[in-house]
Amino acid sequence: MNFEVKHEEFVTLAEVKKILSEKKESEMEQKFTKEHVKDYKKLTLAKAEKLKSDLENLSIAKLKEELVVKIVDILPVDIDDLNVILQMSVIPFTDEEIEKIFECVKPYV
């Protein structure tokens, strides 16, 4: 099987659930993905989209889309959990930026 990538973007587990629910037929991989989403999705689509938007609106240039999606999916319960996610970034975050991000996430935990 040859596949062609037509579009690429980072999406939350809640968004994956919506995308897969719109599919008529499911391949085996899609069925496994649905099970994974069911087991690990923490927020509803509306809340995931809101948190994603809130994080993007913080206007922290280092906070790239892939980090935002990871934060939404993992939903860190404390600063230490958030720091683990933010270590994916090449450029380190300041304590002030980390606190700002966590304050944004806290209402969703």
N, C-alpha and C. Protein backbone atom coordinates (compact mmCIF):
# COMPACT_ATOMS: atom_id res chain seq x y z
N MET A 1 0.83 -1.19 0.00
CA MET A 1 0.00 0.00 0.00
C MET A 1 0.87 1.25 0.00
N ASN A 2 0.59 2.14 -0.90
CA ASN A 2 1.29 3.42 -0.93
C ASN A 2 0.35 4.51 -0.44
N PHE A 3 0.86 5.33 0.45
CA PHE A 3 0.07 6.42 0.99
C PHE A 3 0.70 7.75 0.62
N GLU A 4 -0.14 8.72 0.43
CA GLU A 4 0.34 10.07 0.13
C GLU A 4 -0.19 10.99 1.22
N VAL A 5 0.70 11.74 1.84
CA VAL A 5 0.31 12.70 2.87
C VAL A 5 -0.23 13.93 2.16
N LYS A 6 -1.51 14.21 2.40
CA LYS A 6 -2.14 15.37 1.77
C LYS A 6 -2.15 16.58 2.68
N HIS A 7 -2.20 16.30 3.98
CA HIS A 7 -2.29 17.38 4.95
C HIS A 7 -1.77 16.84 6.29
N GLU A 8 -1.04 17.67 7.02
CA GLU A 8 -0.50 17.24 8.29
C GLU A 8 -0.75 18.32 9.33
N GLU A 9 -1.30 17.90 10.47
CA GLU A 9 -1.48 18.82 11.59
C GLU A 9 -1.54 18.03 12.88
N PHE A 10 -1.29 18.67 13.98
CA PHE A 10 -1.34 18.04 15.28
C PHE A 10 -2.78 18.17 15.81
N VAL A 11 -3.33 17.06 16.26
CA VAL A 11 -4.69 17.08 16.79
C VAL A 11 -4.73 16.38 18.13
N THR A 12 -5.66 16.81 18.97
CA THR A 12 -5.82 16.20 20.28
C THR A 12 -6.56 14.87 20.14
N LEU A 13 -6.54 14.08 21.20
CA LEU A 13 -7.26 12.82 21.19
C LEU A 13 -8.76 13.04 20.99
N ALA A 14 -9.29 14.11 21.57
CA ALA A 14 -10.71 14.42 21.39
C ALA A 14 -11.02 14.71 19.93
N GLU A 15 -10.11 15.38 19.24
CA GLU A 15 -10.31 15.66 17.82
C GLU A 15 -10.18 14.38 17.00
N VAL A 16 -9.28 13.48 17.41
CA VAL A 16 -9.13 12.19 16.72
C VAL A 16 -10.43 11.40 16.83
N LYS A 17 -11.02 11.42 18.01
CA LYS A 17 -12.29 10.70 18.22
C LYS A 17 -13.36 11.21 17.27
N LYS A 18 -13.45 12.54 17.12
CA LYS A 18 -14.44 13.13 16.23
C LYS A 18 -14.17 12.73 14.78
N ILE A 19 -12.92 12.81 14.37
CA ILE A 19 -12.55 12.46 12.99
C ILE A 19 -12.92 11.00 12.70
N LEU A 20 -12.57 10.10 13.62
CA LEU A 20 -12.85 8.68 13.39
C LEU A 20 -14.34 8.37 13.44
N SER A 21 -15.10 9.11 14.23
CA SER A 21 -16.54 8.87 14.31
C SER A 21 -17.25 9.26 13.01
N GLU A 22 -16.61 10.12 12.22
CA GLU A 22 -17.20 10.55 10.95
C GLU A 22 -16.90 9.57 9.81
N LYS A 23 -16.02 8.62 10.06
CA LYS A 23 -15.66 7.63 9.04
C LYS A 23 -16.75 6.56 8.96
N LYS A 24 -17.12 6.18 7.74
CA LYS A 24 -18.14 5.15 7.53
C LYS A 24 -17.58 3.76 7.84
N GLU A 25 -16.43 3.45 7.23
CA GLU A 25 -15.81 2.14 7.42
C GLU A 25 -14.55 2.31 8.25
N SER A 26 -14.24 1.27 9.02
CA SER A 26 -13.04 1.34 9.85
C SER A 26 -12.06 0.25 9.46
N GLU A 27 -10.83 0.67 9.23
CA GLU A 27 -9.73 -0.27 9.03
C GLU A 27 -9.34 -0.78 10.42
N MET A 28 -8.56 -1.83 10.46
CA MET A 28 -8.12 -2.38 11.75
C MET A 28 -7.35 -1.34 12.56
N GLU A 29 -6.50 -0.54 11.89
CA GLU A 29 -5.72 0.48 12.57
C GLU A 29 -6.64 1.53 13.20
N GLN A 30 -7.71 1.86 12.49
CA GLN A 30 -8.66 2.84 13.02
C GLN A 30 -9.38 2.29 14.25
N LYS A 31 -9.67 1.01 14.24
CA LYS A 31 -10.32 0.39 15.40
C LYS A 31 -9.40 0.44 16.62
N PHE A 32 -8.11 0.14 16.41
CA PHE A 32 -7.14 0.21 17.50
C PHE A 32 -7.01 1.65 18.00
N THR A 33 -7.02 2.58 17.08
CA THR A 33 -6.92 3.99 17.45
C THR A 33 -8.14 4.42 18.26
N LYS A 34 -9.32 3.99 17.86
CA LYS A 34 -10.54 4.31 18.61
C LYS A 34 -10.46 3.78 20.04
N GLU A 35 -9.95 2.57 20.20
CA GLU A 35 -9.80 2.00 21.54
C GLU A 35 -8.81 2.80 22.37
N HIS A 36 -7.71 3.20 21.76
CA HIS A 36 -6.71 4.01 22.46
C HIS A 36 -7.32 5.34 22.90
N VAL A 37 -8.03 5.97 22.00
CA VAL A 37 -8.66 7.26 22.32
C VAL A 37 -9.65 7.09 23.47
N LYS A 38 -10.44 6.03 23.40
CA LYS A 38 -11.44 5.76 24.45
C LYS A 38 -10.76 5.60 25.81
N ASP A 39 -9.61 4.94 25.83
CA ASP A 39 -8.91 4.67 27.08
C ASP A 39 -8.17 5.89 27.64
N TYR A 40 -7.69 6.78 26.76
CA TYR A 40 -6.79 7.84 27.21
C TYR A 40 -7.32 9.27 27.07
N LYS A 41 -8.40 9.49 26.36
CA LYS A 41 -8.93 10.85 26.19
C LYS A 41 -9.48 11.34 27.53
N LYS A 42 -9.05 12.52 27.95
CA LYS A 42 -9.45 13.05 29.25
C LYS A 42 -10.50 14.15 29.16
N LEU A 43 -10.56 14.85 28.04
CA LEU A 43 -11.47 15.99 27.91
C LEU A 43 -12.47 15.76 26.77
N THR A 44 -13.61 16.40 26.89
CA THR A 44 -14.56 16.39 25.78
C THR A 44 -13.96 17.23 24.65
N LEU A 45 -14.53 17.10 23.47
CA LEU A 45 -14.04 17.87 22.33
C LEU A 45 -14.10 19.37 22.62
N ALA A 46 -15.22 19.83 23.17
CA ALA A 46 -15.38 21.26 23.44
C ALA A 46 -14.33 21.76 24.43
N LYS A 47 -14.11 21.01 25.51
CA LYS A 47 -13.11 21.43 26.50
C LYS A 47 -11.69 21.36 25.93
N ALA A 48 -11.41 20.32 25.15
CA ALA A 48 -10.08 20.19 24.53
C ALA A 48 -9.81 21.36 23.59
N GLU A 49 -10.81 21.72 22.78
CA GLU A 49 -10.64 22.85 21.85
C GLU A 49 -10.46 24.15 22.61
N LYS A 50 -11.20 24.32 23.72
CA LYS A 50 -11.09 25.55 24.52
C LYS A 50 -9.71 25.65 25.16
N LEU A 51 -9.25 24.55 25.76
CA LEU A 51 -7.92 24.58 26.38
C LEU A 51 -6.84 24.81 25.33
N LYS A 52 -6.97 24.18 24.19
CA LYS A 52 -6.00 24.37 23.10
C LYS A 52 -5.96 25.84 22.69
N SER A 53 -7.13 26.43 22.54
CA SER A 53 -7.21 27.84 22.19
C SER A 53 -6.61 28.73 23.28
N ASP A 54 -6.94 28.42 24.55
CA ASP A 54 -6.41 29.20 25.67
C ASP A 54 -4.88 29.16 25.70
N LEU A 55 -4.32 27.98 25.46
CA LEU A 55 -2.86 27.84 25.46
C LEU A 55 -2.24 28.60 24.29
N GLU A 56 -2.86 28.52 23.12
CA GLU A 56 -2.34 29.25 21.96
C GLU A 56 -2.42 30.76 22.17
N ASN A 57 -3.43 31.21 22.90
CA ASN A 57 -3.61 32.64 23.14
C ASN A 57 -2.65 33.20 24.19
N LEU A 58 -1.88 32.32 24.84
CA LEU A 58 -0.88 32.81 25.79
C LEU A 58 0.24 33.56 25.07
N SER A 59 0.35 33.34 23.77
CA SER A 59 1.36 34.00 22.94
C SER A 59 2.79 33.77 23.44
N ILE A 60 3.06 32.52 23.78
CA ILE A 60 4.43 32.13 24.13
C ILE A 60 4.99 31.44 22.89
N ALA A 61 5.91 32.10 22.23
CA ALA A 61 6.42 31.62 20.93
C ALA A 61 7.01 30.21 21.02
N LYS A 62 7.62 29.88 22.16
CA LYS A 62 8.23 28.55 22.34
C LYS A 62 7.19 27.45 22.46
N LEU A 63 5.96 27.81 22.77
CA LEU A 63 4.90 26.83 22.97
C LEU A 63 4.31 26.45 21.62
N LYS A 64 4.96 25.51 20.97
CA LYS A 64 4.59 25.07 19.62
C LYS A 64 3.33 24.21 19.67
N GLU A 65 2.72 24.05 18.51
CA GLU A 65 1.46 23.31 18.40
C GLU A 65 1.56 21.89 18.94
N GLU A 66 2.67 21.20 18.68
CA GLU A 66 2.80 19.82 19.16
C GLU A 66 2.85 19.76 20.68
N LEU A 67 3.42 20.77 21.33
CA LEU A 67 3.44 20.82 22.79
C LEU A 67 2.05 21.13 23.34
N VAL A 68 1.35 22.02 22.69
CA VAL A 68 -0.02 22.36 23.10
C VAL A 68 -0.88 21.10 23.08
N VAL A 69 -0.79 20.33 22.01
CA VAL A 69 -1.59 19.11 21.88
C VAL A 69 -1.21 18.10 22.96
N LYS A 70 0.07 17.95 23.23
CA LYS A 70 0.51 17.03 24.29
C LYS A 70 -0.03 17.48 25.65
N ILE A 71 0.01 18.76 25.92
CA ILE A 71 -0.51 19.27 27.18
C ILE A 71 -2.00 18.98 27.30
N VAL A 72 -2.75 19.22 26.25
CA VAL A 72 -4.20 18.97 26.26
C VAL A 72 -4.47 17.48 26.46
N ASP A 73 -3.74 16.62 25.79
CA ASP A 73 -3.97 15.18 25.88
C ASP A 73 -3.56 14.60 27.24
N ILE A 74 -2.42 15.04 27.75
CA ILE A 74 -1.91 14.48 29.01
C ILE A 74 -2.55 15.16 30.21
N LEU A 75 -2.88 16.42 30.09
CA LEU A 75 -3.50 17.22 31.14
C LEU A 75 -2.72 17.10 32.45
N PRO A 76 -1.54 17.71 32.48
CA PRO A 76 -0.69 17.59 33.67
C PRO A 76 -1.36 18.12 34.93
N VAL A 77 -1.23 17.36 36.02
CA VAL A 77 -1.89 17.73 37.27
C VAL A 77 -1.04 18.62 38.17
N ASP A 78 0.26 18.72 37.83
CA ASP A 78 1.13 19.61 38.61
C ASP A 78 2.27 20.13 37.72
N ILE A 79 3.04 21.02 38.30
CA ILE A 79 4.14 21.66 37.56
C ILE A 79 5.17 20.62 37.09
N ASP A 80 5.44 19.62 37.92
CA ASP A 80 6.42 18.60 37.55
C ASP A 80 5.98 17.84 36.30
N ASP A 81 4.71 17.48 36.22
CA ASP A 81 4.19 16.80 35.03
C ASP A 81 4.29 17.71 33.81
N LEU A 82 3.99 18.98 33.99
CA LEU A 82 4.08 19.94 32.89
C LEU A 82 5.53 20.07 32.42
N ASN A 83 6.46 20.11 33.36
CA ASN A 83 7.88 20.21 32.99
C ASN A 83 8.34 19.03 32.15
N VAL A 84 7.83 17.85 32.43
CA VAL A 84 8.19 16.67 31.64
C VAL A 84 7.76 16.87 30.18
N ILE A 85 6.57 17.39 29.98
CA ILE A 85 6.08 17.65 28.63
C ILE A 85 6.91 18.74 27.95
N LEU A 86 7.18 19.80 28.68
CA LEU A 86 7.89 20.94 28.10
C LEU A 86 9.35 20.63 27.79
N GLN A 87 9.88 19.55 28.33
CA GLN A 87 11.26 19.15 28.02
C GLN A 87 11.41 18.71 26.57
N MET A 88 10.29 18.48 25.89
CA MET A 88 10.34 18.15 24.47
C MET A 88 10.84 19.33 23.64
N SER A 89 10.74 20.53 24.19
CA SER A 89 11.14 21.74 23.48
C SER A 89 12.66 21.89 23.50
N VAL A 90 13.20 22.36 22.40
CA VAL A 90 14.64 22.62 22.30
C VAL A 90 15.00 23.84 23.15
N ILE A 91 14.12 24.81 23.16
CA ILE A 91 14.36 26.05 23.90
C ILE A 91 13.67 25.92 25.26
N PRO A 92 14.43 26.08 26.35
CA PRO A 92 13.82 25.93 27.68
C PRO A 92 12.83 27.06 28.00
N PHE A 93 11.86 26.72 28.82
CA PHE A 93 10.87 27.69 29.27
C PHE A 93 11.31 28.28 30.60
N THR A 94 10.97 29.54 30.81
CA THR A 94 11.27 30.19 32.09
C THR A 94 10.25 29.72 33.13
N ASP A 95 10.57 29.91 34.40
CA ASP A 95 9.64 29.54 35.47
C ASP A 95 8.33 30.32 35.33
N GLU A 96 8.45 31.57 34.91
CA GLU A 96 7.26 32.41 34.73
C GLU A 96 6.35 31.86 33.62
N GLU A 97 6.96 31.43 32.52
CA GLU A 97 6.19 30.86 31.41
C GLU A 97 5.52 29.55 31.83
N ILE A 98 6.25 28.74 32.55
CA ILE A 98 5.70 27.46 33.02
C ILE A 98 4.51 27.70 33.93
N GLU A 99 4.65 28.64 34.83
CA GLU A 99 3.54 28.97 35.74
C GLU A 99 2.33 29.48 34.97
N LYS A 100 2.58 30.31 33.98
CA LYS A 100 1.50 30.86 33.15
C LYS A 100 0.76 29.74 32.41
N ILE A 101 1.51 28.79 31.88
CA ILE A 101 0.91 27.65 31.17
C ILE A 101 0.11 26.81 32.15
N PHE A 102 0.69 26.53 33.33
CA PHE A 102 -0.01 25.69 34.30
C PHE A 102 -1.29 26.35 34.81
N GLU A 103 -1.26 27.65 35.01
CA GLU A 103 -2.47 28.36 35.44
C GLU A 103 -3.59 28.23 34.40
N CYS A 104 -3.20 28.13 33.15
CA CYS A 104 -4.16 27.95 32.07
C CYS A 104 -4.76 26.53 32.11
N VAL A 105 -3.94 25.56 32.45
CA VAL A 105 -4.36 24.15 32.46
C VAL A 105 -5.16 23.80 33.72
N LYS A 106 -4.82 24.42 34.84
CA LYS A 106 -5.38 24.05 36.14
C LYS A 106 -6.91 23.92 36.18
N PRO A 107 -7.67 24.81 35.58
CA PRO A 107 -9.15 24.66 35.64
C PRO A 107 -9.68 23.40 34.97
N TYR A 108 -8.90 22.79 34.10
CA TYR A 108 -9.36 21.62 33.37
C TYR A 108 -9.02 20.30 34.06
N VAL A 109 -8.17 20.37 35.09
CA VAL A 109 -7.73 19.16 35.78
C VAL A 109 -8.82 18.66 36.71
